[in-house]
Amino acid sequence: MAKFLFVLTRGLEAPSRATRCMQLAYMAKQEGHDVSVFLLDDAVVYAKKGMSENVVAPTGDEMSTYMEFFMREGVQLHACTPCAKARQLDEKDFIENAKLDTAKTLIAMAAESKVFTF
């Protein structure tokens, strides 16, 4: 199976893009692929507990559906450390499958994956 990296930069201001990213990551994982998600810029808010609960795209896609699936399936969410710190977020506030990470990790992950950016 393939290895996919989904990079999300959009936060609560763009529920369509955010949920579409997670929907495709969800579909890839369901197909048996190796999936990772890296949250940058405003997207780091999705690592925080409870933040995905009321995010619904105009299509009806609910962010919480995908986030719950990722937790059950062990899909790791990597949150950009400086992006999170700038928004006063810390790992203690994160959902169980999210962690702070660095640009160095993002580059390493991208080098060995097919990358989707939203």
PDB file of N, CA and C in Angstrom:
ATOM      1  N   MET A   1       0.834  -1.189   0.000  1.00  0.00           N
ATOM      2  CA  MET A   1       0.000   0.000   0.000  1.00  0.00           C
ATOM      3  C   MET A   1       0.874   1.247   0.000  1.00  0.00           C
ATOM      4  N   ALA A   2       0.268   2.346  -0.376  1.00  0.00           N
ATOM      5  CA  ALA A   2       0.983   3.625  -0.475  1.00  0.00           C
ATOM      6  C   ALA A   2       1.044   4.341   0.866  1.00  0.00           C
ATOM      7  N   LYS A   3       1.928   5.316   0.924  1.00  0.00           N
ATOM      8  CA  LYS A   3       2.081   6.146   2.108  1.00  0.00           C
ATOM      9  C   LYS A   3       1.649   7.560   1.720  1.00  0.00           C
ATOM     10  N   PHE A   4       0.672   8.098   2.464  1.00  0.00           N
ATOM     11  CA  PHE A   4       0.141   9.424   2.159  1.00  0.00           C
ATOM     12  C   PHE A   4       0.339  10.366   3.334  1.00  0.00           C
ATOM     13  N   LEU A   5       0.659  11.611   3.013  1.00  0.00           N
ATOM     14  CA  LEU A   5       0.749  12.683   3.992  1.00  0.00           C
ATOM     15  C   LEU A   5      -0.244  13.763   3.584  1.00  0.00           C
ATOM     16  N   PHE A   6      -1.140  14.105   4.484  1.00  0.00           N
ATOM     17  CA  PHE A   6      -2.121  15.157   4.262  1.00  0.00           C
ATOM     18  C   PHE A   6      -1.711  16.355   5.101  1.00  0.00           C
ATOM     19  N   VAL A   7      -1.472  17.491   4.427  1.00  0.00           N
ATOM     20  CA  VAL A   7      -1.046  18.712   5.107  1.00  0.00           C
ATOM     21  C   VAL A   7      -2.199  19.703   5.057  1.00  0.00           C
ATOM     22  N   LEU A   8      -2.665  20.105   6.232  1.00  0.00           N
ATOM     23  CA  LEU A   8      -3.784  21.033   6.329  1.00  0.00           C
ATOM     24  C   LEU A   8      -3.299  22.342   6.928  1.00  0.00           C
ATOM     25  N   THR A   9      -3.608  23.456   6.251  1.00  0.00           N
ATOM     26  CA  THR A   9      -3.234  24.782   6.751  1.00  0.00           C
ATOM     27  C   THR A   9      -4.444  25.609   7.144  1.00  0.00           C
ATOM     28  N   ARG A  10      -5.628  25.156   6.808  1.00  0.00           N
ATOM     29  CA  ARG A  10      -6.856  25.915   7.061  1.00  0.00           C
ATOM     30  C   ARG A  10      -7.492  25.498   8.371  1.00  0.00           C
ATOM     31  N   GLY A  11      -8.037  26.490   9.066  1.00  0.00           N
ATOM     32  CA  GLY A  11      -8.671  26.221  10.349  1.00  0.00           C
ATOM     33  C   GLY A  11     -10.174  26.369  10.282  1.00  0.00           C
ATOM     34  N   LEU A  12     -10.724  26.935  11.328  1.00  0.00           N
ATOM     35  CA  LEU A  12     -12.177  27.066  11.462  1.00  0.00           C
ATOM     36  C   LEU A  12     -12.797  27.973  10.406  1.00  0.00           C
ATOM     37  N   GLU A  13     -11.990  28.826   9.788  1.00  0.00           N
ATOM     38  CA  GLU A  13     -12.498  29.745   8.772  1.00  0.00           C
ATOM     39  C   GLU A  13     -12.804  29.059   7.444  1.00  0.00           C
ATOM     40  N   ALA A  14     -12.347  27.833   7.265  1.00  0.00           N
ATOM     41  CA  ALA A  14     -12.519  27.129   5.992  1.00  0.00           C
ATOM     42  C   ALA A  14     -12.960  25.682   6.229  1.00  0.00           C
ATOM     43  N   PRO A  15     -14.184  25.479   6.726  1.00  0.00           N
ATOM     44  CA  PRO A  15     -14.621  24.111   7.040  1.00  0.00           C
ATOM     45  C   PRO A  15     -14.667  23.185   5.826  1.00  0.00           C
ATOM     46  N   SER A  16     -14.923  23.726   4.640  1.00  0.00           N
ATOM     47  CA  SER A  16     -14.961  22.862   3.448  1.00  0.00           C
ATOM     48  C   SER A  16     -13.596  22.267   3.146  1.00  0.00           C
ATOM     49  N   ARG A  17     -12.576  23.095   3.143  1.00  0.00           N
ATOM     50  CA  ARG A  17     -11.223  22.595   2.868  1.00  0.00           C
ATOM     51  C   ARG A  17     -10.749  21.655   3.967  1.00  0.00           C
ATOM     52  N   ALA A  18     -11.012  22.025   5.202  1.00  0.00           N
ATOM     53  CA  ALA A  18     -10.555  21.207   6.327  1.00  0.00           C
ATOM     54  C   ALA A  18     -11.217  19.832   6.312  1.00  0.00           C
ATOM     55  N   THR A  19     -12.527  19.804   6.138  1.00  0.00           N
ATOM     56  CA  THR A  19     -13.207  18.502   6.134  1.00  0.00           C
ATOM     57  C   THR A  19     -12.854  17.694   4.890  1.00  0.00           C
ATOM     58  N   ARG A  20     -12.610  18.358   3.766  1.00  0.00           N
ATOM     59  CA  ARG A  20     -12.233  17.618   2.557  1.00  0.00           C
ATOM     60  C   ARG A  20     -10.885  16.940   2.754  1.00  0.00           C
ATOM     61  N   CYS A  21      -9.950  17.638   3.357  1.00  0.00           N
ATOM     62  CA  CYS A  21      -8.644  17.046   3.661  1.00  0.00           C
ATOM     63  C   CYS A  21      -8.817  15.796   4.510  1.00  0.00           C
ATOM     64  N   MET A  22      -9.598  15.929   5.572  1.00  0.00           N
ATOM     65  CA  MET A  22      -9.778  14.808   6.488  1.00  0.00           C
ATOM     66  C   MET A  22     -10.581  13.677   5.849  1.00  0.00           C
ATOM     67  N   GLN A  23     -11.520  14.028   4.983  1.00  0.00           N
ATOM     68  CA  GLN A  23     -12.294  12.999   4.291  1.00  0.00           C
ATOM     69  C   GLN A  23     -11.377  12.148   3.408  1.00  0.00           C
ATOM     70  N   LEU A  24     -10.479  12.785   2.680  1.00  0.00           N
ATOM     71  CA  LEU A  24      -9.575  12.033   1.809  1.00  0.00           C
ATOM     72  C   LEU A  24      -8.587  11.196   2.627  1.00  0.00           C
ATOM     73  N   ALA A  25      -8.113  11.741   3.750  1.00  0.00           N
ATOM     74  CA  ALA A  25      -7.242  10.961   4.635  1.00  0.00           C
ATOM     75  C   ALA A  25      -7.998   9.747   5.177  1.00  0.00           C
ATOM     76  N   TYR A  26      -9.241   9.957   5.541  1.00  0.00           N
ATOM     77  CA  TYR A  26     -10.129   8.889   6.032  1.00  0.00           C
ATOM     78  C   TYR A  26     -10.283   7.792   4.977  1.00  0.00           C
ATOM     79  N   MET A  27     -10.549   8.219   3.742  1.00  0.00           N
ATOM     80  CA  MET A  27     -10.738   7.249   2.660  1.00  0.00           C
ATOM     81  C   MET A  27      -9.461   6.458   2.396  1.00  0.00           C
ATOM     82  N   ALA A  28      -8.329   7.145   2.415  1.00  0.00           N
ATOM     83  CA  ALA A  28      -7.047   6.462   2.194  1.00  0.00           C
ATOM     84  C   ALA A  28      -6.786   5.430   3.287  1.00  0.00           C
ATOM     85  N   LYS A  29      -7.060   5.799   4.522  1.00  0.00           N
ATOM     86  CA  LYS A  29      -6.864   4.863   5.646  1.00  0.00           C
ATOM     87  C   LYS A  29      -7.809   3.666   5.526  1.00  0.00           C
ATOM     88  N   GLN A  30      -9.057   3.917   5.135  1.00  0.00           N
ATOM     89  CA  GLN A  30     -10.010   2.816   4.959  1.00  0.00           C
ATOM     90  C   GLN A  30      -9.557   1.853   3.870  1.00  0.00           C
ATOM     91  N   GLU A  31      -8.825   2.367   2.891  1.00  0.00           N
ATOM     92  CA  GLU A  31      -8.317   1.521   1.804  1.00  0.00           C
ATOM     93  C   GLU A  31      -7.039   0.787   2.197  1.00  0.00           C
ATOM     94  N   GLY A  32      -6.583   0.999   3.431  1.00  0.00           N
ATOM     95  CA  GLY A  32      -5.422   0.282   3.922  1.00  0.00           C
ATOM     96  C   GLY A  32      -4.089   0.983   3.748  1.00  0.00           C
ATOM     97  N   HIS A  33      -4.115   2.227   3.323  1.00  0.00           N
ATOM     98  CA  HIS A  33      -2.872   2.973   3.129  1.00  0.00           C
ATOM     99  C   HIS A  33      -2.341   3.503   4.459  1.00  0.00           C
ATOM    100  N   ASP A  34      -1.058   3.787   4.471  1.00  0.00           N
ATOM    101  CA  ASP A  34      -0.401   4.410   5.620  1.00  0.00           C
ATOM    102  C   ASP A  34      -0.693   5.916   5.523  1.00  0.00           C
ATOM    103  N   VAL A  35      -1.331   6.482   6.536  1.00  0.00           N
ATOM    104  CA  VAL A  35      -1.783   7.873   6.495  1.00  0.00           C
ATOM    105  C   VAL A  35      -1.251   8.655   7.683  1.00  0.00           C
ATOM    106  N   SER A  36      -0.743   9.851   7.387  1.00  0.00           N
ATOM    107  CA  SER A  36      -0.354  10.809   8.415  1.00  0.00           C
ATOM    108  C   SER A  36      -0.968  12.158   8.058  1.00  0.00           C
ATOM    109  N   VAL A  37      -1.215  12.962   9.098  1.00  0.00           N
ATOM    110  CA  VAL A  37      -1.774  14.302   8.908  1.00  0.00           C
ATOM    111  C   VAL A  37      -0.867  15.292   9.633  1.00  0.00           C
ATOM    112  N   PHE A  38      -0.496  16.368   8.941  1.00  0.00           N
ATOM    113  CA  PHE A  38       0.302  17.427   9.553  1.00  0.00           C
ATOM    114  C   PHE A  38      -0.516  18.712   9.519  1.00  0.00           C
ATOM    115  N   LEU A  39      -0.695  19.307  10.686  1.00  0.00           N
ATOM    116  CA  LEU A  39      -1.479  20.539  10.827  1.00  0.00           C
ATOM    117  C   LEU A  39      -0.540  21.730  10.940  1.00  0.00           C
ATOM    118  N   LEU A  40      -0.730  22.691  10.042  1.00  0.00           N
ATOM    119  CA  LEU A  40       0.078  23.907  10.031  1.00  0.00           C
ATOM    120  C   LEU A  40      -0.820  25.128  10.177  1.00  0.00           C
ATOM    121  N   ASP A  41      -0.220  26.237  10.536  1.00  0.00           N
ATOM    122  CA  ASP A  41      -0.912  27.522  10.603  1.00  0.00           C
ATOM    123  C   ASP A  41      -2.214  27.394  11.402  1.00  0.00           C
ATOM    124  N   ASP A  42      -3.331  27.901  10.862  1.00  0.00           N
ATOM    125  CA  ASP A  42      -4.604  27.897  11.597  1.00  0.00           C
ATOM    126  C   ASP A  42      -5.171  26.505  11.838  1.00  0.00           C
ATOM    127  N   ALA A  43      -4.697  25.517  11.089  1.00  0.00           N
ATOM    128  CA  ALA A  43      -5.215  24.144  11.243  1.00  0.00           C
ATOM    129  C   ALA A  43      -4.826  23.506  12.566  1.00  0.00           C
ATOM    130  N   VAL A  44      -3.844  24.054  13.271  1.00  0.00           N
ATOM    131  CA  VAL A  44      -3.443  23.440  14.543  1.00  0.00           C
ATOM    132  C   VAL A  44      -4.591  23.421  15.551  1.00  0.00           C
ATOM    133  N   VAL A  45      -5.607  24.254  15.352  1.00  0.00           N
ATOM    134  CA  VAL A  45      -6.746  24.254  16.291  1.00  0.00           C
ATOM    135  C   VAL A  45      -7.447  22.894  16.321  1.00  0.00           C
ATOM    136  N   TYR A  46      -7.355  22.127  15.238  1.00  0.00           N
ATOM    137  CA  TYR A  46      -8.027  20.831  15.200  1.00  0.00           C
ATOM    138  C   TYR A  46      -7.362  19.791  16.099  1.00  0.00           C
ATOM    139  N   ALA A  47      -6.166  20.071  16.575  1.00  0.00           N
ATOM    140  CA  ALA A  47      -5.512  19.174  17.527  1.00  0.00           C
ATOM    141  C   ALA A  47      -6.090  19.343  18.929  1.00  0.00           C
ATOM    142  N   LYS A  48      -6.730  20.465  19.176  1.00  0.00           N
ATOM    143  CA  LYS A  48      -7.263  20.755  20.515  1.00  0.00           C
ATOM    144  C   LYS A  48      -8.558  19.988  20.751  1.00  0.00           C
ATOM    145  N   LYS A  49      -8.681  19.443  21.962  1.00  0.00           N
ATOM    146  CA  LYS A  49      -9.890  18.708  22.334  1.00  0.00           C
ATOM    147  C   LYS A  49     -11.133  19.574  22.123  1.00  0.00           C
ATOM    148  N   GLY A  50     -12.138  18.984  21.489  1.00  0.00           N
ATOM    149  CA  GLY A  50     -13.427  19.633  21.318  1.00  0.00           C
ATOM    150  C   GLY A  50     -13.553  20.582  20.141  1.00  0.00           C
ATOM    151  N   MET A  51     -12.460  20.933  19.490  1.00  0.00           N
ATOM    152  CA  MET A  51     -12.529  21.939  18.434  1.00  0.00           C
ATOM    153  C   MET A  51     -13.198  21.446  17.150  1.00  0.00           C
ATOM    154  N   SER A  52     -13.204  20.157  16.923  1.00  0.00           N
ATOM    155  CA  SER A  52     -13.793  19.652  15.676  1.00  0.00           C
ATOM    156  C   SER A  52     -15.288  19.357  15.804  1.00  0.00           C
ATOM    157  N   GLU A  53     -15.815  19.450  17.012  1.00  0.00           N
ATOM    158  CA  GLU A  53     -17.179  18.984  17.274  1.00  0.00           C
ATOM    159  C   GLU A  53     -18.279  19.717  16.514  1.00  0.00           C
ATOM    160  N   ASN A  54     -18.120  20.977  16.231  1.00  0.00           N
ATOM    161  CA  ASN A  54     -19.179  21.726  15.549  1.00  0.00           C
ATOM    162  C   ASN A  54     -18.791  22.193  14.158  1.00  0.00           C
ATOM    163  N   VAL A  55     -17.755  21.578  13.595  1.00  0.00           N
ATOM    164  CA  VAL A  55     -17.300  21.959  12.265  1.00  0.00           C
ATOM    165  C   VAL A  55     -17.995  21.083  11.233  1.00  0.00           C
ATOM    166  N   VAL A  56     -18.823  21.731  10.421  1.00  0.00           N
ATOM    167  CA  VAL A  56     -19.593  21.027   9.399  1.00  0.00           C
ATOM    168  C   VAL A  56     -19.448  21.777   8.080  1.00  0.00           C
ATOM    169  N   ALA A  57     -19.070  21.077   7.045  1.00  0.00           N
ATOM    170  CA  ALA A  57     -18.958  21.681   5.718  1.00  0.00           C
ATOM    171  C   ALA A  57     -20.349  21.838   5.118  1.00  0.00           C
ATOM    172  N   PRO A  58     -20.500  22.714   4.120  1.00  0.00           N
ATOM    173  CA  PRO A  58     -21.800  22.855   3.450  1.00  0.00           C
ATOM    174  C   PRO A  58     -22.328  21.551   2.857  1.00  0.00           C
ATOM    175  N   THR A  59     -21.427  20.602   2.591  1.00  0.00           N
ATOM    176  CA  THR A  59     -21.829  19.293   2.058  1.00  0.00           C
ATOM    177  C   THR A  59     -22.407  18.380   3.130  1.00  0.00           C
ATOM    178  N   GLY A  60     -22.283  18.814   4.400  1.00  0.00           N
ATOM    179  CA  GLY A  60     -22.764  18.002   5.510  1.00  0.00           C
ATOM    180  C   GLY A  60     -21.685  17.182   6.184  1.00  0.00           C
ATOM    181  N   ASP A  61     -20.475  17.182   5.615  1.00  0.00           N
ATOM    182  CA  ASP A  61     -19.364  16.448   6.231  1.00  0.00           C
ATOM    183  C   ASP A  61     -19.043  17.049   7.591  1.00  0.00           C
ATOM    184  N   GLU A  62     -18.929  16.194   8.593  1.00  0.00           N
ATOM    185  CA  GLU A  62     -18.631  16.639   9.953  1.00  0.00           C
ATOM    186  C   GLU A  62     -17.196  16.277  10.305  1.00  0.00           C
ATOM    187  N   MET A  63     -16.436  17.278  10.697  1.00  0.00           N
ATOM    188  CA  MET A  63     -15.040  17.061  11.052  1.00  0.00           C
ATOM    189  C   MET A  63     -14.906  16.029  12.167  1.00  0.00           C
ATOM    190  N   SER A  64     -15.812  16.040  13.126  1.00  0.00           N
ATOM    191  CA  SER A  64     -15.703  15.121  14.274  1.00  0.00           C
ATOM    192  C   SER A  64     -15.759  13.653  13.845  1.00  0.00           C
ATOM    193  N   THR A  65     -16.488  13.344  12.793  1.00  0.00           N
ATOM    194  CA  THR A  65     -16.557  11.966  12.291  1.00  0.00           C
ATOM    195  C   THR A  65     -15.168  11.466  11.917  1.00  0.00           C
ATOM    196  N   TYR A  66     -14.430  12.304  11.207  1.00  0.00           N
ATOM    197  CA  TYR A  66     -13.093  11.915  10.758  1.00  0.00           C
ATOM    198  C   TYR A  66     -12.109  11.881  11.920  1.00  0.00           C
ATOM    199  N   MET A  67     -12.196  12.855  12.806  1.00  0.00           N
ATOM    200  CA  MET A  67     -11.266  12.906  13.933  1.00  0.00           C
ATOM    201  C   MET A  67     -11.461  11.706  14.867  1.00  0.00           C
ATOM    202  N   GLU A  68     -12.692  11.314  15.094  1.00  0.00           N
ATOM    203  CA  GLU A  68     -12.964  10.133  15.928  1.00  0.00           C
ATOM    204  C   GLU A  68     -12.413   8.867  15.273  1.00  0.00           C
ATOM    205  N   PHE A  69     -12.573   8.769  13.959  1.00  0.00           N
ATOM    206  CA  PHE A  69     -12.027   7.627  13.217  1.00  0.00           C
ATOM    207  C   PHE A  69     -10.503   7.581  13.358  1.00  0.00           C
ATOM    208  N   PHE A  70      -9.847   8.739  13.204  1.00  0.00           N
ATOM    209  CA  PHE A  70      -8.390   8.785  13.311  1.00  0.00           C
ATOM    210  C   PHE A  70      -7.921   8.344  14.695  1.00  0.00           C
ATOM    211  N   MET A  71      -8.656   8.741  15.724  1.00  0.00           N
ATOM    212  CA  MET A  71      -8.289   8.316  17.082  1.00  0.00           C
ATOM    213  C   MET A  71      -8.425   6.803  17.223  1.00  0.00           C
ATOM    214  N   ARG A  72      -9.541   6.257  16.735  1.00  0.00           N
ATOM    215  CA  ARG A  72      -9.761   4.801  16.823  1.00  0.00           C
ATOM    216  C   ARG A  72      -8.708   4.019  16.048  1.00  0.00           C
ATOM    217  N   GLU A  73      -8.331   4.538  14.886  1.00  0.00           N
ATOM    218  CA  GLU A  73      -7.424   3.819  13.988  1.00  0.00           C
ATOM    219  C   GLU A  73      -5.953   4.150  14.212  1.00  0.00           C
ATOM    220  N   GLY A  74      -5.668   5.041  15.143  1.00  0.00           N
ATOM    221  CA  GLY A  74      -4.280   5.374  15.455  1.00  0.00           C
ATOM    222  C   GLY A  74      -3.573   6.243  14.433  1.00  0.00           C
ATOM    223  N   VAL A  75      -4.339   7.029  13.676  1.00  0.00           N
ATOM    224  CA  VAL A  75      -3.726   7.955  12.726  1.00  0.00           C
ATOM    225  C   VAL A  75      -3.163   9.131  13.519  1.00  0.00           C
ATOM    226  N   GLN A  76      -1.871   9.354  13.376  1.00  0.00           N
ATOM    227  CA  GLN A  76      -1.193  10.408  14.130  1.00  0.00           C
ATOM    228  C   GLN A  76      -1.416  11.767  13.473  1.00  0.00           C
ATOM    229  N   LEU A  77      -1.780  12.740  14.297  1.00  0.00           N
ATOM    230  CA  LEU A  77      -1.876  14.126  13.860  1.00  0.00           C
ATOM    231  C   LEU A  77      -0.660  14.865  14.402  1.00  0.00           C
ATOM    232  N   HIS A  78       0.086  15.477  13.511  1.00  0.00           N
ATOM    233  CA  HIS A  78       1.271  16.237  13.888  1.00  0.00           C
ATOM    234  C   HIS A  78       0.904  17.713  13.803  1.00  0.00           C
ATOM    235  N   ALA A  79       1.123  18.455  14.874  1.00  0.00           N
ATOM    236  CA  ALA A  79       0.808  19.884  14.900  1.00  0.00           C
ATOM    237  C   ALA A  79       2.106  20.676  14.942  1.00  0.00           C
ATOM    238  N   CYS A  80       2.219  21.630  14.049  1.00  0.00           N
ATOM    239  CA  CYS A  80       3.388  22.499  13.980  1.00  0.00           C
ATOM    240  C   CYS A  80       3.606  23.194  15.329  1.00  0.00           C
ATOM    241  N   THR A  81       4.773  22.989  15.911  1.00  0.00           N
ATOM    242  CA  THR A  81       5.057  23.549  17.233  1.00  0.00           C
ATOM    243  C   THR A  81       4.964  25.070  17.274  1.00  0.00           C
ATOM    244  N   PRO A  82       5.666  25.815  16.392  1.00  0.00           N
ATOM    245  CA  PRO A  82       5.549  27.274  16.487  1.00  0.00           C
ATOM    246  C   PRO A  82       4.136  27.781  16.184  1.00  0.00           C
ATOM    247  N   CYS A  83       3.426  27.094  15.288  1.00  0.00           N
ATOM    248  CA  CYS A  83       2.046  27.484  14.960  1.00  0.00           C
ATOM    249  C   CYS A  83       1.149  27.328  16.189  1.00  0.00           C
ATOM    250  N   ALA A  84       1.318  26.219  16.899  1.00  0.00           N
ATOM    251  CA  ALA A  84       0.517  25.961  18.099  1.00  0.00           C
ATOM    252  C   ALA A  84       0.880  26.941  19.207  1.00  0.00           C
ATOM    253  N   LYS A  85       2.155  27.158  19.410  1.00  0.00           N
ATOM    254  CA  LYS A  85       2.597  28.075  20.468  1.00  0.00           C
ATOM    255  C   LYS A  85       2.078  29.484  20.210  1.00  0.00           C
ATOM    256  N   ALA A  86       2.061  29.913  18.948  1.00  0.00           N
ATOM    257  CA  ALA A  86       1.556  31.244  18.598  1.00  0.00           C
ATOM    258  C   ALA A  86       0.072  31.385  18.918  1.00  0.00           C
ATOM    259  N   ARG A  87      -0.626  30.252  18.980  1.00  0.00           N
ATOM    260  CA  ARG A  87      -2.056  30.238  19.298  1.00  0.00           C
ATOM    261  C   ARG A  87      -2.313  29.764  20.729  1.00  0.00           C
ATOM    262  N   GLN A  88      -1.239  29.744  21.503  1.00  0.00           N
ATOM    263  CA  GLN A  88      -1.272  29.361  22.922  1.00  0.00           C
ATOM    264  C   GLN A  88      -1.870  27.972  23.143  1.00  0.00           C
ATOM    265  N   LEU A  89      -1.506  27.047  22.257  1.00  0.00           N
ATOM    266  CA  LEU A  89      -1.933  25.657  22.377  1.00  0.00           C
ATOM    267  C   LEU A  89      -0.746  24.806  22.818  1.00  0.00           C
ATOM    268  N   ASP A  90      -1.024  23.804  23.617  1.00  0.00           N
ATOM    269  CA  ASP A  90       0.006  22.902  24.108  1.00  0.00           C
ATOM    270  C   ASP A  90      -0.522  21.474  24.046  1.00  0.00           C
ATOM    271  N   GLU A  91       0.378  20.510  24.045  1.00  0.00           N
ATOM    272  CA  GLU A  91      -0.038  19.107  23.956  1.00  0.00           C
ATOM    273  C   GLU A  91      -1.020  18.694  25.048  1.00  0.00           C
ATOM    274  N   LYS A  92      -0.964  19.297  26.191  1.00  0.00           N
ATOM    275  CA  LYS A  92      -1.905  18.936  27.270  1.00  0.00           C
ATOM    276  C   LYS A  92      -3.349  19.243  26.870  1.00  0.00           C
ATOM    277  N   ASP A  93      -3.531  20.119  25.884  1.00  0.00           N
ATOM    278  CA  ASP A  93      -4.861  20.482  25.390  1.00  0.00           C
ATOM    279  C   ASP A  93      -5.311  19.613  24.212  1.00  0.00           C
ATOM    280  N   PHE A  94      -4.425  18.741  23.729  1.00  0.00           N
ATOM    281  CA  PHE A  94      -4.655  18.017  22.485  1.00  0.00           C
ATOM    282  C   PHE A  94      -5.451  16.727  22.683  1.00  0.00           C
ATOM    283  N   ILE A  95      -6.077  16.303  21.588  1.00  0.00           N
ATOM    284  CA  ILE A  95      -6.694  14.981  21.546  1.00  0.00           C
ATOM    285  C   ILE A  95      -5.584  13.934  21.638  1.00  0.00           C
ATOM    286  N   GLU A  96      -5.940  12.717  21.977  1.00  0.00           N
ATOM    287  CA  GLU A  96      -4.936  11.696  22.298  1.00  0.00           C
ATOM    288  C   GLU A  96      -3.993  11.335  21.159  1.00  0.00           C
ATOM    289  N   ASN A  97      -4.398  11.478  19.914  1.00  0.00           N
ATOM    290  CA  ASN A  97      -3.544  11.086  18.795  1.00  0.00           C
ATOM    291  C   ASN A  97      -2.837  12.273  18.147  1.00  0.00           C
ATOM    292  N   ALA A  98      -2.783  13.407  18.835  1.00  0.00           N
ATOM    293  CA  ALA A  98      -2.105  14.588  18.299  1.00  0.00           C
ATOM    294  C   ALA A  98      -0.877  14.913  19.130  1.00  0.00           C
ATOM    295  N   LYS A  99       0.144  15.414  18.451  1.00  0.00           N
ATOM    296  CA  LYS A  99       1.363  15.808  19.156  1.00  0.00           C
ATOM    297  C   LYS A  99       2.018  16.970  18.427  1.00  0.00           C
ATOM    298  N   LEU A 100       2.800  17.726  19.171  1.00  0.00           N
ATOM    299  CA  LEU A 100       3.573  18.805  18.574  1.00  0.00           C
ATOM    300  C   LEU A 100       4.710  18.206  17.763  1.00  0.00           C
ATOM    301  N   ASP A 101       5.037  18.884  16.658  1.00  0.00           N
ATOM    302  CA  ASP A 101       6.127  18.381  15.827  1.00  0.00           C
ATOM    303  C   ASP A 101       6.779  19.540  15.088  1.00  0.00           C
ATOM    304  N   THR A 102       7.838  19.222  14.354  1.00  0.00           N
ATOM    305  CA  THR A 102       8.671  20.261  13.746  1.00  0.00           C
ATOM    306  C   THR A 102       8.681  20.189  12.219  1.00  0.00           C
ATOM    307  N   ALA A 103       9.213  21.254  11.628  1.00  0.00           N
ATOM    308  CA  ALA A 103       9.361  21.308  10.171  1.00  0.00           C
ATOM    309  C   ALA A 103      10.292  20.194   9.688  1.00  0.00           C
ATOM    310  N   LYS A 104      11.280  19.866  10.488  1.00  0.00           N
ATOM    311  CA  LYS A 104      12.201  18.791  10.122  1.00  0.00           C
ATOM    312  C   LYS A 104      11.442  17.473   9.934  1.00  0.00           C
ATOM    313  N   THR A 105      10.512  17.196  10.831  1.00  0.00           N
ATOM    314  CA  THR A 105       9.687  15.988  10.711  1.00  0.00           C
ATOM    315  C   THR A 105       8.798  16.063   9.478  1.00  0.00           C
ATOM    316  N   LEU A 106       8.201  17.225   9.239  1.00  0.00           N
ATOM    317  CA  LEU A 106       7.338  17.398   8.064  1.00  0.00           C
ATOM    318  C   LEU A 106       8.111  17.103   6.781  1.00  0.00           C
ATOM    319  N   ILE A 107       9.309  17.633   6.667  1.00  0.00           N
ATOM    320  CA  ILE A 107      10.122  17.404   5.462  1.00  0.00           C
ATOM    321  C   ILE A 107      10.469  15.926   5.316  1.00  0.00           C
ATOM    322  N   ALA A 108      10.824  15.287   6.402  1.00  0.00           N
ATOM    323  CA  ALA A 108      11.148  13.856   6.349  1.00  0.00           C
ATOM    324  C   ALA A 108       9.932  13.039   5.927  1.00  0.00           C
ATOM    325  N   MET A 109       8.777  13.381   6.471  1.00  0.00           N
ATOM    326  CA  MET A 109       7.550  12.666   6.112  1.00  0.00           C
ATOM    327  C   MET A 109       7.207  12.888   4.641  1.00  0.00           C
ATOM    328  N   ALA A 110       7.355  14.117   4.176  1.00  0.00           N
ATOM    329  CA  ALA A 110       7.031  14.444   2.786  1.00  0.00           C
ATOM    330  C   ALA A 110       7.962  13.722   1.810  1.00  0.00           C
ATOM    331  N   ALA A 111       9.213  13.567   2.213  1.00  0.00           N
ATOM    332  CA  ALA A 111      10.194  12.924   1.339  1.00  0.00           C
ATOM    333  C   ALA A 111       9.848  11.463   1.043  1.00  0.00           C
ATOM    334  N   GLU A 112       9.086  10.842   1.933  1.00  0.00           N
ATOM    335  CA  GLU A 112       8.767   9.424   1.738  1.00  0.00           C
ATOM    336  C   GLU A 112       7.286   9.161   1.488  1.00  0.00           C
ATOM    337  N   SER A 113       6.524  10.212   1.190  1.00  0.00           N
ATOM    338  CA  SER A 113       5.068  10.060   1.023  1.00  0.00           C
ATOM    339  C   SER A 113       4.575  10.772  -0.228  1.00  0.00           C
ATOM    340  N   LYS A 114       3.385  10.396  -0.630  1.00  0.00           N
ATOM    341  CA  LYS A 114       2.636  11.184  -1.604  1.00  0.00           C
ATOM    342  C   LYS A 114       1.911  12.243  -0.779  1.00  0.00           C
ATOM    343  N   VAL A 115       2.029  13.502  -1.177  1.00  0.00           N
ATOM    344  CA  VAL A 115       1.570  14.608  -0.338  1.00  0.00           C
ATOM    345  C   VAL A 115       0.354  15.297  -0.950  1.00  0.00           C
ATOM    346  N   PHE A 116      -0.660  15.503  -0.104  1.00  0.00           N
ATOM    347  CA  PHE A 116      -1.839  16.302  -0.447  1.00  0.00           C
ATOM    348  C   PHE A 116      -1.817  17.530   0.454  1.00  0.00           C
ATOM    349  N   THR A 117      -2.030  18.705  -0.108  1.00  0.00           N
ATOM    350  CA  THR A 117      -2.019  19.932   0.688  1.00  0.00           C
ATOM    351  C   THR A 117      -3.340  20.657   0.548  1.00  0.00           C
ATOM    352  N   PHE A 118      -3.883  21.070   1.667  1.00  0.00           N
ATOM    353  CA  PHE A 118      -5.144  21.810   1.698  1.00  0.00           C
ATOM    354  C   PHE A 118      -4.967  23.083   2.504  1.00  0.00           C
TER     355      PHE A 118
END
